[in-house]
Amino acid sequence: MARGPRCFFYTVYMQMSFLEYLTEDNLIEFVIKERVKCTQKQNLSKDRVQHIEQAQTPAAAVQAMTPPRNLWRRLRRTSRHKIDRVEIKNKLSLRNTIYYDLKLYRNNMVIAPPYLQELLAFISRVQEMASDVSTWDFSSCIKVLAKFKEDDADGNAIYRPLTIYNSLEIKALISLASTYLTTAVDDYLHEEILSYRPLRYYHGKENYHTGGYDAIAGLRRFIEDHPGQKIYVAECDIQKFYDAINHEVVLDSFRRIAEQASIPAYHEVERILKLYLDSYSFHSNIMALNDSQEYWKEYKRQHRGKIKGKCLFKWVSDDDFLRCYKDPAKLKFYKDTIGVPQGGALSCIISNVVLNDVDRRSVLVKEEDPDRFFVRFGDDILLAHTDLQECTRLIDAYTRELERHLLPSHPFKPMGECKNGEKTTKEFWKRKSKAPFLWGPGEGNAFEWIGFVGYEVRYTGESRLRLSTLDKQFGSINKRYHSCILKNNPNNLKGYLSSNIRKVAGMNSSIDKFEQLDMNPYSTQQVKSLDRYRLTKIERLDAMLSERFAQEYTHTNANLVNRFVKHRDEPTSYYRRLMEIDSNLND
């Protein structure tokens, strides 16, 4: 009899090989996850229009092997009321439906519905592929999407490449290999690697999911533990990490940690990892597109002739690569084996394993030091120490180890260039890597604030949103406003107004993830500016609706300004959310 898993996670890794891990339950769980993604309304940005059909290819296959939405079994009322997120409700409902039909089929009570036949056939294909991957070529199903990043000084539109695999079988193998490796090696990663980790024990918390907010919490603890002491901070950022990582370095790092973790039959999952790496290189898959007029045709049209230069992808310069490779001939030899797909499921665990290797092999985390603070999120690190010389020694050793792993970091420059008298210049915030500097009152060569994972933290412990993060919040409000603007006459005015009310109420939703944002004069000023901007958009939208629908709009008693009043305690305001976050922080 088939039974479904009792939770939302894949079967826990318990010293099983990868082929043993590719169970029916785990593959069904993968399909459920993909199907639920399809149910969510996807606001695809204009820069993805060109490849929309390619991007949706797996979605059609997923829908063919899951029951139609109207046949999903409803949750019991008690279960529905306990769950807030629609995504989780959909997962449970779909899971119940599949396992119910599977049970009837396995007990010979019904003929397998068409979707179930497709699903079981898919599971068999994936398991067969994993047993013999020698004939498979992952590169044949790669599609590259371009996401706008910025305009450069020469008037070019710079894009970031996002890679998708439009074969569902290959996508399943990559996804489950990633989940398998993430669980198998997690105990051997450094504790303060906070990104892309499963639920784990962390600083006294069981089954805890770490994130960027834990970096800020740790930084505050470090400040509290060193009252009155000088603190020196250094930051190091790798240039285009995913685009610059060498495949040979990846395989070597995985072999070392696989040996430590005693992964059974490691060669089974290593074959998937090798195929993943062999399918992609930045030089052949991405840089070659810069010369393709057909590829950029749709993206250029979106700019409507406003760009003076080209649409293109950028890579690390040869000069920066040569700091690591030393020999131009060696760099030329390796060029087609550099880079991993951004957006690919295995790339996250690759970043953790390779950079954990860097951390461990440098002196950065070799010994306990109560006067040192170290944390990593993705390829960004933050290092703090009470001794300037020790801080300098550690960051230099770390940089040298990066070069040994063929990873070019952003070069360090004198921090004095970031001061104009007593004032911190914009150069400080633009700089990716920062040589050790004094974190304290903004006098002399000291800097009052540091930025990390979307936050800025003052030397006294107060936090606020980073300027780039704040700009994204303004952009989010503006995007919501434009999504409310009516282009045609609505068939159902009441329904249209209700939709607008939900959109307006959700204008502050993206601030919820900043769990370490405390209430202070700096953060309060930021959220008040967001609320003023939000209110301006609400008033403008309200005026448009009132003018267009006149009496009908007024009689609905759904006026947006009346619903979303001007005082700061209004339930959906940014200020109110900051109060709630601060309250949770102090509990």
Protein backbone atom coordinates (compact mmCIF):
# COMPACT_ATOMS: atom_id res chain seq x y z
CA MET A 1 0.00 0.00 0.00
CA ALA A 2 1.30 3.42 -0.94
CA ARG A 3 1.58 5.96 1.82
CA GLY A 4 2.45 9.59 1.52
CA PRO A 5 5.10 11.30 3.58
CA ARG A 6 3.93 12.90 6.80
CA CYS A 7 5.63 16.26 6.22
CA PHE A 8 6.55 18.64 3.43
CA PHE A 9 10.16 17.57 3.21
CA TYR A 10 11.85 14.91 1.19
CA THR A 11 12.82 11.66 2.89
CA VAL A 12 15.58 12.48 5.34
CA TYR A 13 19.08 11.37 4.29
CA MET A 14 20.02 8.43 6.49
CA GLN A 15 23.27 7.08 5.08
CA MET A 16 21.64 5.91 1.89
CA SER A 17 23.12 6.10 -1.59
CA PHE A 18 21.72 8.49 -4.18
CA LEU A 19 19.98 5.71 -6.13
CA GLU A 20 18.33 4.55 -2.91
CA TYR A 21 17.28 8.15 -2.27
CA LEU A 22 15.43 8.34 -5.61
CA THR A 23 12.31 6.77 -4.16
CA GLU A 24 8.79 7.01 -5.48
CA ASP A 25 7.83 9.26 -2.56
CA ASN A 26 10.68 11.70 -3.17
CA LEU A 27 9.92 11.95 -6.88
CA ILE A 28 6.22 12.48 -6.19
CA GLU A 29 7.21 15.21 -3.73
CA PHE A 30 9.27 16.89 -6.47
CA VAL A 31 6.31 16.82 -8.88
CA ILE A 32 3.98 18.24 -6.21
CA LYS A 33 6.38 21.11 -5.57
CA GLU A 34 6.61 21.89 -9.28
CA ARG A 35 2.84 21.69 -9.75
CA VAL A 36 2.16 24.10 -6.88
CA LYS A 37 4.56 26.56 -8.49
CA CYS A 38 2.38 26.43 -11.60
CA THR A 39 -0.74 27.31 -9.58
CA GLN A 40 0.79 30.52 -8.35
CA LYS A 41 0.28 33.55 -10.54
CA GLN A 42 3.64 34.40 -12.01
CA ASN A 43 4.24 38.05 -12.78
CA LEU A 44 6.85 37.45 -15.44
CA SER A 45 8.86 40.57 -16.08
CA LYS A 46 9.02 42.02 -19.57
CA ASP A 47 12.64 40.99 -19.97
CA ARG A 48 11.58 37.31 -20.00
CA VAL A 49 9.01 37.59 -22.79
CA GLN A 50 11.34 36.30 -25.46
CA HIS A 51 11.78 32.92 -23.80
CA ILE A 52 8.39 32.50 -22.14
CA GLU A 53 7.45 29.41 -24.15
CA GLN A 54 10.79 27.78 -23.45
CA ALA A 55 10.50 28.56 -19.76
CA GLN A 56 7.04 27.00 -19.52
CA THR A 57 7.89 23.73 -21.25
CA PRO A 58 8.32 21.77 -17.97
CA ALA A 59 5.05 23.25 -16.64
CA ALA A 60 3.02 21.51 -19.34
CA ALA A 61 4.66 18.18 -18.47
CA VAL A 62 3.98 18.69 -14.75
CA GLN A 63 0.31 19.40 -15.35
CA ALA A 64 -0.01 16.23 -17.42
CA MET A 65 1.11 14.06 -14.49
CA THR A 66 -1.05 15.69 -11.78
CA PRO A 67 -4.84 15.70 -11.40
CA PRO A 68 -6.82 18.72 -12.65
CA ARG A 69 -7.22 21.44 -10.04
CA ASN A 70 -10.98 20.89 -9.70
CA LEU A 71 -10.36 17.27 -8.63
CA TRP A 72 -7.99 18.05 -5.77
CA ARG A 73 -9.29 16.71 -2.46
CA ARG A 74 -10.25 19.49 -0.08
CA LEU A 75 -8.66 19.65 3.33
CA ARG A 76 -10.79 19.19 6.39
CA ARG A 77 -12.04 22.40 7.93
CA THR A 78 -9.85 21.99 11.03
CA SER A 79 -6.75 21.53 8.85
CA ARG A 80 -7.58 24.53 6.65
CA HIS A 81 -7.98 26.88 9.60
CA LYS A 82 -4.60 25.90 11.08
CA ILE A 83 -2.68 26.76 7.89
CA ASP A 84 -2.21 30.35 6.76
CA ARG A 85 -0.19 29.94 3.56
CA VAL A 86 -2.10 29.04 0.40
CA GLU A 87 0.98 27.28 -0.98
CA ILE A 88 1.02 24.79 1.90
CA LYS A 89 -2.73 24.17 1.58
CA ASN A 90 -2.25 23.42 -2.12
CA LYS A 91 0.60 21.02 -1.37
CA LEU A 92 -1.45 19.11 1.18
CA SER A 93 -4.51 18.98 -1.03
CA LEU A 94 -2.59 17.75 -4.07
CA ARG A 95 -0.60 15.24 -2.01
CA ASN A 96 -3.78 13.78 -0.52
CA THR A 97 -5.31 13.43 -3.98
CA ILE A 98 -2.33 11.67 -5.54
CA TYR A 99 -1.85 9.22 -2.69
CA TYR A 100 -5.57 8.49 -2.49
CA ASP A 101 -5.71 7.62 -6.21
CA LEU A 102 -2.46 5.66 -5.92
CA LYS A 103 -3.85 3.62 -3.03
CA LEU A 104 -7.01 2.74 -5.00
CA TYR A 105 -4.93 1.76 -8.03
CA ARG A 106 -2.44 -0.35 -6.01
CA ASN A 107 -5.34 -2.15 -4.31
CA ASN A 108 -6.83 -2.98 -7.75
CA MET A 109 -9.94 -0.95 -6.97
CA VAL A 110 -9.72 1.37 -10.00
CA ILE A 111 -7.85 1.72 -13.26
CA ALA A 112 -5.06 4.29 -12.95
CA PRO A 113 -6.25 7.71 -14.15
CA PRO A 114 -4.32 9.12 -17.14
CA TYR A 115 -2.36 11.55 -14.96
CA LEU A 116 -1.27 8.74 -12.62
CA GLN A 117 -0.07 6.65 -15.55
CA GLU A 118 2.02 9.62 -16.70
CA LEU A 119 3.37 10.15 -13.17
CA LEU A 120 4.42 6.51 -12.67
CA ALA A 121 6.03 6.44 -16.12
CA PHE A 122 7.94 9.62 -15.25
CA ILE A 123 9.21 8.08 -12.00
CA SER A 124 10.46 5.01 -13.86
CA ARG A 125 12.24 7.16 -16.47
CA VAL A 126 14.04 9.23 -13.84
CA GLN A 127 15.15 6.15 -11.89
CA GLU A 128 16.43 4.50 -15.09
CA MET A 129 18.27 7.68 -16.06
CA ALA A 130 19.99 7.81 -12.68
CA SER A 131 21.11 4.18 -13.05
CA ASP A 132 22.78 4.87 -16.39
CA VAL A 133 23.51 8.55 -17.05
CA SER A 134 26.35 7.90 -19.51
CA THR A 135 24.07 8.43 -22.52
CA TRP A 136 22.52 11.66 -21.27
CA ASP A 137 23.57 15.19 -22.18
CA PHE A 138 22.22 17.91 -19.87
CA SER A 139 23.44 20.72 -22.15
CA SER A 140 20.81 19.93 -24.78
CA CYS A 141 17.98 21.24 -22.59
CA ILE A 142 19.58 24.44 -21.26
CA LYS A 143 17.84 27.75 -21.92
CA VAL A 144 19.28 31.10 -20.88
CA LEU A 145 17.08 34.00 -19.75
CA ALA A 146 18.40 37.52 -19.28
CA LYS A 147 17.45 39.68 -16.31
CA PHE A 148 18.20 43.40 -16.49
CA LYS A 149 20.75 44.53 -13.91
CA GLU A 150 21.98 48.05 -14.67
CA ASP A 151 23.18 50.55 -17.28
CA ASP A 152 26.95 50.93 -17.46
CA ALA A 153 29.01 54.09 -18.05
CA ASP A 154 29.19 53.39 -21.81
CA GLY A 155 25.41 53.32 -22.21
CA ASN A 156 25.16 49.53 -22.44
CA ALA A 157 22.33 47.61 -20.76
CA ILE A 158 23.95 44.95 -18.56
CA TYR A 159 22.02 41.74 -17.92
CA ARG A 160 22.43 38.83 -15.54
CA PRO A 161 22.01 35.31 -17.03
CA LEU A 162 19.48 32.93 -15.46
CA THR A 163 19.59 29.31 -16.58
CA ILE A 164 16.70 26.84 -16.75
CA TYR A 165 16.56 23.16 -17.72
CA ASN A 166 13.44 22.53 -19.79
CA SER A 167 13.54 18.73 -19.38
CA LEU A 168 11.53 17.72 -16.33
CA GLU A 169 13.46 14.45 -15.93
CA ILE A 170 16.81 16.25 -15.86
CA LYS A 171 15.40 18.94 -13.60
CA ALA A 172 14.21 16.22 -11.18
CA LEU A 173 17.65 14.57 -11.10
CA ILE A 174 19.38 17.91 -10.45
CA SER A 175 16.87 18.95 -7.78
CA LEU A 176 17.03 15.67 -5.86
CA ALA A 177 20.82 15.52 -6.15
CA SER A 178 20.91 18.98 -4.60
CA THR A 179 18.59 17.98 -1.74
CA TYR A 180 20.56 14.78 -1.16
CA LEU A 181 23.96 16.53 -1.03
CA THR A 182 22.65 19.45 1.04
CA THR A 183 21.53 17.04 3.76
CA ALA A 184 24.49 14.66 3.48
CA VAL A 185 27.22 17.28 3.97
CA ASP A 186 25.47 19.78 6.24
CA ASP A 187 27.12 18.61 9.48
CA TYR A 188 30.52 19.26 7.91
CA LEU A 189 29.87 22.88 6.91
CA HIS A 190 30.98 25.69 9.18
CA GLU A 191 28.24 26.76 11.60
CA GLU A 192 28.24 30.40 10.45
CA ILE A 193 27.51 29.63 6.81
CA LEU A 194 23.90 30.83 6.94
CA SER A 195 22.64 30.44 3.37
CA TYR A 196 21.03 27.42 1.69
CA ARG A 197 21.01 25.23 4.82
CA PRO A 198 18.38 22.67 5.89
CA LEU A 199 16.69 22.85 9.29
CA ARG A 200 19.42 22.41 11.91
CA TYR A 201 20.60 23.15 15.42
CA TYR A 202 21.89 26.72 15.68
CA HIS A 203 22.80 28.65 18.83
CA GLY A 204 20.47 26.71 21.10
CA LYS A 205 17.61 26.50 18.59
CA GLU A 206 16.40 23.10 17.30
CA ASN A 207 15.14 22.61 13.73
CA TYR A 208 15.99 26.18 12.90
CA HIS A 209 16.25 27.73 9.43
CA THR A 210 19.14 30.20 9.31
CA GLY A 211 19.09 33.35 7.20
CA GLY A 212 20.62 36.80 6.82
CA TYR A 213 18.82 38.01 9.95
CA ASP A 214 21.00 35.66 12.02
CA ALA A 215 24.09 37.51 10.81
CA ILE A 216 22.70 40.73 12.27
CA ALA A 217 21.70 38.99 15.52
CA GLY A 218 25.24 37.56 15.80
CA LEU A 219 26.77 40.97 15.15
CA ARG A 220 24.68 42.46 17.95
CA ARG A 221 25.83 39.71 20.33
CA PHE A 222 29.45 40.47 19.41
CA ILE A 223 28.94 44.18 20.20
CA GLU A 224 27.37 43.30 23.58
CA ASP A 225 30.25 40.95 24.43
CA HIS A 226 32.88 43.65 23.77
CA PRO A 227 31.61 46.81 25.46
CA GLY A 228 33.91 49.80 25.14
CA GLN A 229 36.37 47.93 22.88
CA LYS A 230 37.40 49.02 19.40
CA ILE A 231 36.02 46.78 16.65
CA TYR A 232 37.61 46.48 13.21
CA VAL A 233 35.59 45.17 10.25
CA ALA A 234 36.58 43.73 6.86
CA GLU A 235 34.45 42.53 3.97
CA CYS A 236 35.42 40.42 1.00
CA ASP A 237 33.25 39.82 -2.05
CA ILE A 238 34.06 37.45 -4.92
CA GLN A 239 33.73 38.80 -8.44
CA LYS A 240 30.76 37.09 -10.14
CA PHE A 241 31.18 33.95 -8.03
CA TYR A 242 28.82 31.66 -9.95
CA ASP A 243 30.27 32.85 -13.27
CA ALA A 244 33.89 32.48 -12.16
CA ILE A 245 34.04 29.16 -10.30
CA ASN A 246 36.25 26.46 -11.83
CA HIS A 247 34.70 23.00 -12.38
CA GLU A 248 37.84 21.16 -11.27
CA VAL A 249 37.82 23.11 -7.99
CA VAL A 250 34.17 22.14 -7.47
CA LEU A 251 34.84 18.43 -7.93
CA ASP A 252 37.91 18.49 -5.67
CA SER A 253 36.00 20.28 -2.89
CA PHE A 254 33.11 17.81 -3.10
CA ARG A 255 35.42 14.80 -3.00
CA ARG A 256 37.05 16.09 0.19
CA ILE A 257 33.77 16.72 1.99
CA ALA A 258 32.23 13.46 0.67
CA GLU A 259 35.12 11.58 2.21
CA GLN A 260 34.62 13.41 5.51
CA ALA A 261 30.88 12.71 5.49
CA SER A 262 31.37 9.10 4.32
CA ILE A 263 28.68 9.45 1.65
CA PRO A 264 27.83 5.90 0.50
CA ALA A 265 28.43 5.18 -3.19
CA TYR A 266 29.40 8.82 -3.75
CA HIS A 267 30.12 8.12 -7.42
CA GLU A 268 26.34 7.78 -8.02
CA VAL A 269 25.60 11.40 -7.19
CA GLU A 270 28.98 12.62 -8.49
CA ARG A 271 27.91 11.52 -11.99
CA ILE A 272 24.95 13.92 -11.80
CA LEU A 273 27.24 16.68 -10.51
CA LYS A 274 29.68 16.13 -13.41
CA LEU A 275 26.89 16.20 -16.01
CA TYR A 276 25.60 19.42 -14.44
CA LEU A 277 29.04 21.03 -14.68
CA ASP A 278 29.72 19.68 -18.19
CA SER A 279 26.43 21.16 -19.44
CA TYR A 280 27.50 24.74 -18.83
CA SER A 281 30.34 27.23 -18.96
CA PHE A 282 30.04 30.98 -18.91
CA HIS A 283 32.38 31.40 -21.87
CA SER A 284 30.54 29.05 -24.25
CA ASN A 285 26.93 29.35 -23.03
CA ILE A 286 26.73 33.03 -22.10
CA MET A 287 29.46 35.17 -23.65
CA ALA A 288 28.71 33.67 -27.06
CA LEU A 289 25.20 35.19 -26.85
CA ASN A 290 26.62 38.73 -26.88
CA ASP A 291 27.13 38.41 -30.64
CA SER A 292 23.62 37.06 -31.28
CA GLN A 293 21.35 39.81 -32.61
CA GLU A 294 18.39 37.41 -32.63
CA TYR A 295 18.76 36.64 -28.90
CA TRP A 296 18.78 40.32 -27.91
CA LYS A 297 16.07 41.44 -30.33
CA GLU A 298 13.21 41.34 -27.79
CA TYR A 299 15.29 42.81 -24.98
CA LYS A 300 16.33 45.77 -27.15
CA ARG A 301 12.69 46.39 -28.05
CA GLN A 302 11.84 46.73 -24.36
CA HIS A 303 14.25 49.66 -24.04
CA ARG A 304 12.45 51.41 -26.93
CA GLY A 305 15.61 52.90 -28.33
CA LYS A 306 16.62 54.48 -25.00
CA ILE A 307 19.94 52.68 -24.74
CA LYS A 308 22.91 54.10 -26.62
CA GLY A 309 25.01 50.94 -26.58
CA LYS A 310 24.28 47.21 -26.55
CA CYS A 311 22.45 44.67 -24.43
CA LEU A 312 25.07 42.28 -23.12
CA PHE A 313 26.42 40.01 -20.39
CA LYS A 314 29.65 40.89 -18.60
CA TRP A 315 32.31 38.57 -17.20
CA VAL A 316 35.41 38.83 -15.04
CA SER A 317 38.26 40.53 -16.91
CA ASP A 318 41.27 38.48 -17.98
CA ASP A 319 43.52 40.64 -15.80
CA ASP A 320 41.47 39.74 -12.70
CA PHE A 321 41.42 36.06 -13.66
CA LEU A 322 45.20 36.10 -14.12
CA ARG A 323 45.67 37.09 -10.46
CA CYS A 324 44.49 33.52 -9.77
CA TYR A 325 45.56 31.53 -12.82
CA LYS A 326 48.95 33.34 -13.16
CA ASP A 327 49.58 31.96 -16.68
CA PRO A 328 47.53 33.15 -19.75
CA ALA A 329 47.91 29.68 -21.33
CA LYS A 330 46.43 28.06 -18.21
CA LEU A 331 43.50 30.50 -18.24
CA LYS A 332 42.85 29.78 -21.93
CA PHE A 333 42.88 26.04 -21.21
CA TYR A 334 40.31 26.36 -18.41
CA LYS A 335 38.00 28.97 -20.01
CA ASP A 336 35.42 26.43 -21.14
CA THR A 337 35.23 24.86 -17.68
CA ILE A 338 34.49 28.02 -15.68
CA GLY A 339 31.06 28.99 -14.34
CA VAL A 340 27.97 27.20 -13.00
CA PRO A 341 24.34 27.96 -13.92
CA GLN A 342 22.68 30.75 -11.95
CA GLY A 343 19.24 29.43 -11.09
CA GLY A 344 20.29 25.77 -11.20
CA ALA A 345 19.40 23.77 -8.08
CA LEU A 346 22.93 22.40 -7.56
CA SER A 347 24.62 25.81 -7.69
CA CYS A 348 23.62 26.71 -4.11
CA ILE A 349 25.20 23.63 -2.53
CA ILE A 350 28.22 24.13 -4.81
CA SER A 351 28.74 27.61 -3.37
CA ASN A 352 28.50 26.31 0.22
CA VAL A 353 30.87 23.38 -0.29
CA VAL A 354 33.55 25.30 -2.22
CA LEU A 355 33.55 28.32 0.08
CA ASN A 356 33.46 26.13 3.17
CA ASP A 357 36.64 24.58 1.77
CA VAL A 358 38.12 28.08 1.47
CA ASP A 359 37.09 28.97 5.03
CA ARG A 360 38.51 25.77 6.53
CA ARG A 361 41.77 25.80 4.56
CA SER A 362 42.45 29.45 5.41
CA VAL A 363 43.15 30.45 9.00
CA LEU A 364 39.78 32.18 9.18
CA VAL A 365 37.89 29.52 11.15
CA LYS A 366 40.64 27.11 12.21
CA GLU A 367 40.73 28.08 15.85
CA GLU A 368 38.26 29.52 18.33
CA ASP A 369 38.76 33.18 19.07
CA PRO A 370 36.27 35.06 21.29
CA ASP A 371 37.53 38.37 19.86
CA ARG A 372 36.69 37.35 16.27
CA PHE A 373 33.32 37.45 14.53
CA PHE A 374 32.84 35.68 11.22
CA VAL A 375 29.72 35.05 9.16
CA ARG A 376 28.99 34.11 5.56
CA PHE A 377 25.86 34.46 3.45
CA GLY A 378 26.31 33.12 -0.07
CA ASP A 379 29.62 34.44 -1.34
CA ASP A 380 29.57 37.49 0.98
CA ILE A 381 31.54 37.40 4.22
CA LEU A 382 31.77 39.74 7.16
CA LEU A 383 34.78 39.62 9.48
CA ALA A 384 35.18 41.61 12.70
CA HIS A 385 37.95 41.61 15.28
CA THR A 386 39.05 43.71 18.23
CA ASP A 387 42.65 43.75 16.97
CA LEU A 388 43.49 45.55 13.72
CA GLN A 389 46.61 43.48 12.94
CA GLU A 390 44.79 40.19 13.48
CA CYS A 391 41.86 41.34 11.36
CA THR A 392 44.27 42.28 8.56
CA ARG A 393 46.12 38.95 8.83
CA LEU A 394 42.89 36.95 8.64
CA ILE A 395 41.44 38.77 5.63
CA ASP A 396 44.77 38.56 3.77
CA ALA A 397 45.00 34.80 4.42
CA TYR A 398 41.43 34.39 3.25
CA THR A 399 42.08 36.31 0.03
CA ARG A 400 45.14 34.17 -0.73
CA GLU A 401 43.08 31.01 -0.23
CA LEU A 402 40.44 32.35 -2.65
CA GLU A 403 43.15 32.78 -5.27
CA ARG A 404 44.34 29.20 -4.66
CA HIS A 405 40.75 28.15 -5.40
CA LEU A 406 40.95 30.23 -8.62
CA LEU A 407 38.34 32.72 -7.38
CA PRO A 408 39.04 36.43 -8.01
CA SER A 409 37.84 38.78 -5.28
CA HIS A 410 37.13 42.45 -5.67
CA PRO A 411 40.43 44.23 -4.92
CA PHE A 412 40.94 46.10 -1.64
CA LYS A 413 41.58 49.84 -1.82
CA PRO A 414 42.61 52.33 0.89
CA MET A 415 39.54 53.08 3.00
CA GLY A 416 40.65 56.71 3.38
CA GLU A 417 39.23 57.30 -0.11
CA CYS A 418 35.76 56.75 1.37
CA LYS A 419 35.97 59.74 3.75
CA ASN A 420 35.48 63.42 2.96
CA GLY A 421 36.44 65.10 6.20
CA GLU A 422 34.19 63.47 8.77
CA LYS A 423 31.58 62.43 6.18
CA THR A 424 31.28 58.92 4.70
CA THR A 425 31.07 59.11 0.89
CA LYS A 426 29.02 57.03 -1.54
CA GLU A 427 32.23 55.18 -2.46
CA PHE A 428 32.03 53.36 0.90
CA TRP A 429 28.68 51.79 0.02
CA LYS A 430 29.65 51.01 -3.57
CA ARG A 431 32.82 49.18 -2.58
CA LYS A 432 32.40 45.38 -2.67
CA SER A 433 35.51 44.42 -0.69
CA LYS A 434 36.61 46.57 2.24
CA ALA A 435 40.01 46.44 3.91
CA PRO A 436 39.90 46.44 7.73
CA PHE A 437 38.47 49.70 9.11
CA LEU A 438 37.44 50.99 12.51
CA TRP A 439 33.72 50.58 13.16
CA GLY A 440 32.78 53.36 15.54
CA PRO A 441 31.81 57.05 15.88
CA GLY A 442 32.34 58.72 12.51
CA GLU A 443 35.43 60.62 13.58
CA GLY A 444 38.80 60.45 11.84
CA ASN A 445 39.08 57.16 9.90
CA ALA A 446 36.17 55.43 11.65
CA PHE A 447 32.92 54.49 9.89
CA GLU A 448 29.65 54.58 11.79
CA TRP A 449 27.67 52.03 9.75
CA ILE A 450 28.32 48.73 7.99
CA GLY A 451 26.08 47.02 5.41
CA PHE A 452 25.30 43.32 5.13
CA VAL A 453 22.45 41.16 3.72
CA GLY A 454 20.09 44.09 3.11
CA TYR A 455 20.70 45.75 6.50
CA GLU A 456 22.88 48.57 7.74
CA VAL A 457 24.06 48.22 11.34
CA ARG A 458 25.39 51.07 13.50
CA TYR A 459 28.34 50.50 15.83
CA THR A 460 25.90 50.86 18.75
CA GLY A 461 23.72 48.01 17.42
CA GLU A 462 20.79 49.87 15.79
CA SER A 463 19.73 48.61 12.37
CA ARG A 464 18.07 50.13 9.35
CA LEU A 465 17.37 49.09 5.77
CA ARG A 466 20.25 49.36 3.34
CA LEU A 467 19.74 52.14 0.77
CA SER A 468 19.46 49.65 -2.11
CA THR A 469 16.92 47.66 -0.06
CA LEU A 470 14.96 50.85 0.67
CA ASP A 471 14.89 51.67 -3.05
CA LYS A 472 13.47 48.20 -3.74
CA GLN A 473 10.69 48.90 -1.23
CA PHE A 474 9.78 52.10 -3.07
CA GLY A 475 9.85 50.13 -6.33
CA SER A 476 7.57 47.49 -4.83
CA ILE A 477 4.99 50.14 -3.86
CA ASN A 478 5.14 51.67 -7.33
CA LYS A 479 4.75 48.26 -8.97
CA ARG A 480 1.67 47.52 -6.85
CA TYR A 481 0.22 50.91 -7.76
CA HIS A 482 0.64 50.34 -11.49
CA SER A 483 -0.88 46.87 -11.21
CA CYS A 484 -4.02 48.54 -9.80
CA ILE A 485 -4.43 51.00 -12.67
CA LEU A 486 -7.46 50.10 -14.78
CA LYS A 487 -7.06 49.84 -18.51
CA ASN A 488 -10.53 48.58 -19.43
CA ASN A 489 -14.01 48.75 -17.93
CA PRO A 490 -14.40 46.06 -15.27
CA ASN A 491 -17.28 43.62 -15.60
CA ASN A 492 -17.49 43.44 -11.82
CA LEU A 493 -16.67 46.74 -10.12
CA LYS A 494 -17.04 45.27 -6.62
CA GLY A 495 -14.61 42.46 -7.44
CA TYR A 496 -12.18 44.92 -9.03
CA LEU A 497 -12.24 47.15 -5.94
CA SER A 498 -11.71 44.16 -3.65
CA SER A 499 -8.69 43.19 -5.75
CA ASN A 500 -7.27 46.70 -5.43
CA ILE A 501 -7.79 46.68 -1.67
CA ARG A 502 -5.81 43.43 -1.38
CA LYS A 503 -3.01 44.87 -3.53
CA VAL A 504 -2.83 48.05 -1.48
CA ALA A 505 -2.85 46.08 1.78
CA GLY A 506 0.08 44.02 0.49
CA MET A 507 2.28 47.02 -0.31
CA ASN A 508 4.35 46.43 2.83
CA SER A 509 4.62 42.65 2.67
CA SER A 510 8.26 42.53 1.58
CA ILE A 511 9.49 44.11 4.85
CA ASP A 512 8.41 41.06 6.84
CA LYS A 513 11.62 39.14 6.16
CA PHE A 514 13.72 41.76 8.01
CA GLU A 515 13.34 40.11 11.39
CA GLN A 516 16.28 42.00 12.93
CA LEU A 517 15.00 45.47 12.06
CA ASP A 518 14.64 47.18 15.43
CA MET A 519 12.73 50.39 16.13
CA ASN A 520 15.09 53.37 16.34
CA PRO A 521 15.24 56.91 14.91
CA TYR A 522 16.95 55.69 11.73
CA SER A 523 14.58 52.84 10.84
CA THR A 524 11.55 54.91 11.92
CA GLN A 525 12.51 57.67 9.50
CA GLN A 526 12.77 55.11 6.69
CA VAL A 527 9.37 53.50 7.27
CA LYS A 528 7.68 56.90 7.63
CA SER A 529 9.04 57.91 4.21
CA LEU A 530 7.70 54.63 2.77
CA ASP A 531 4.29 55.28 4.34
CA ARG A 532 4.18 58.80 2.91
CA TYR A 533 4.99 57.47 -0.56
CA ARG A 534 2.44 54.67 -0.12
CA LEU A 535 -0.27 57.14 0.96
CA THR A 536 0.46 59.34 -2.07
CA LYS A 537 -0.12 56.36 -4.37
CA ILE A 538 -3.33 55.40 -2.51
CA GLU A 539 -4.69 58.96 -2.80
CA ARG A 540 -3.82 59.07 -6.50
CA LEU A 541 -5.51 55.75 -7.14
CA ASP A 542 -8.53 56.76 -5.08
CA ALA A 543 -8.90 59.98 -7.10
CA MET A 544 -8.69 58.07 -10.38
CA LEU A 545 -11.38 55.62 -9.32
CA SER A 546 -13.62 58.36 -7.91
CA GLU A 547 -13.36 60.36 -11.12
CA ARG A 548 -14.05 57.39 -13.35
CA PHE A 549 -16.91 55.75 -11.46
CA ALA A 550 -18.25 58.78 -9.54
CA GLN A 551 -21.38 57.93 -7.51
CA GLU A 552 -21.06 54.18 -7.99
CA TYR A 553 -17.61 54.21 -6.44
CA THR A 554 -18.68 56.36 -3.49
CA HIS A 555 -21.73 54.19 -2.73
CA THR A 556 -19.65 51.04 -2.53
CA ASN A 557 -18.11 52.37 0.69
CA ALA A 558 -14.83 50.92 -0.52
CA ASN A 559 -12.92 54.18 -1.01
CA LEU A 560 -9.23 53.38 -0.65
CA VAL A 561 -8.36 56.45 1.41
CA ASN A 562 -11.20 55.68 3.81
CA ARG A 563 -10.02 52.10 4.15
CA PHE A 564 -6.36 52.98 4.56
CA VAL A 565 -6.34 55.98 6.87
CA LYS A 566 -3.52 58.40 7.38
CA HIS A 567 -2.40 57.71 10.93
CA ARG A 568 0.71 55.67 11.60
CA ASP A 569 -1.08 52.89 13.48
CA GLU A 570 -3.03 51.90 10.37
CA PRO A 571 -2.78 48.05 10.38
CA THR A 572 -1.16 47.64 6.96
CA SER A 573 1.34 50.51 7.24
CA TYR A 574 5.11 50.08 7.25
CA TYR A 575 5.27 51.79 10.63
CA ARG A 576 2.88 49.25 12.16
CA ARG A 577 4.88 46.35 10.71
CA LEU A 578 8.09 47.81 12.15
CA MET A 579 6.42 47.98 15.57
CA GLU A 580 5.41 44.31 15.29
CA ILE A 581 8.89 43.21 14.15
CA ASP A 582 10.50 45.16 16.99
CA SER A 583 8.05 43.64 19.49
CA ASN A 584 8.90 40.10 18.31
CA LEU A 585 12.60 40.96 18.48
CA ASN A 586 12.34 42.02 22.12
CA ASP A 587 10.18 39.08 23.27
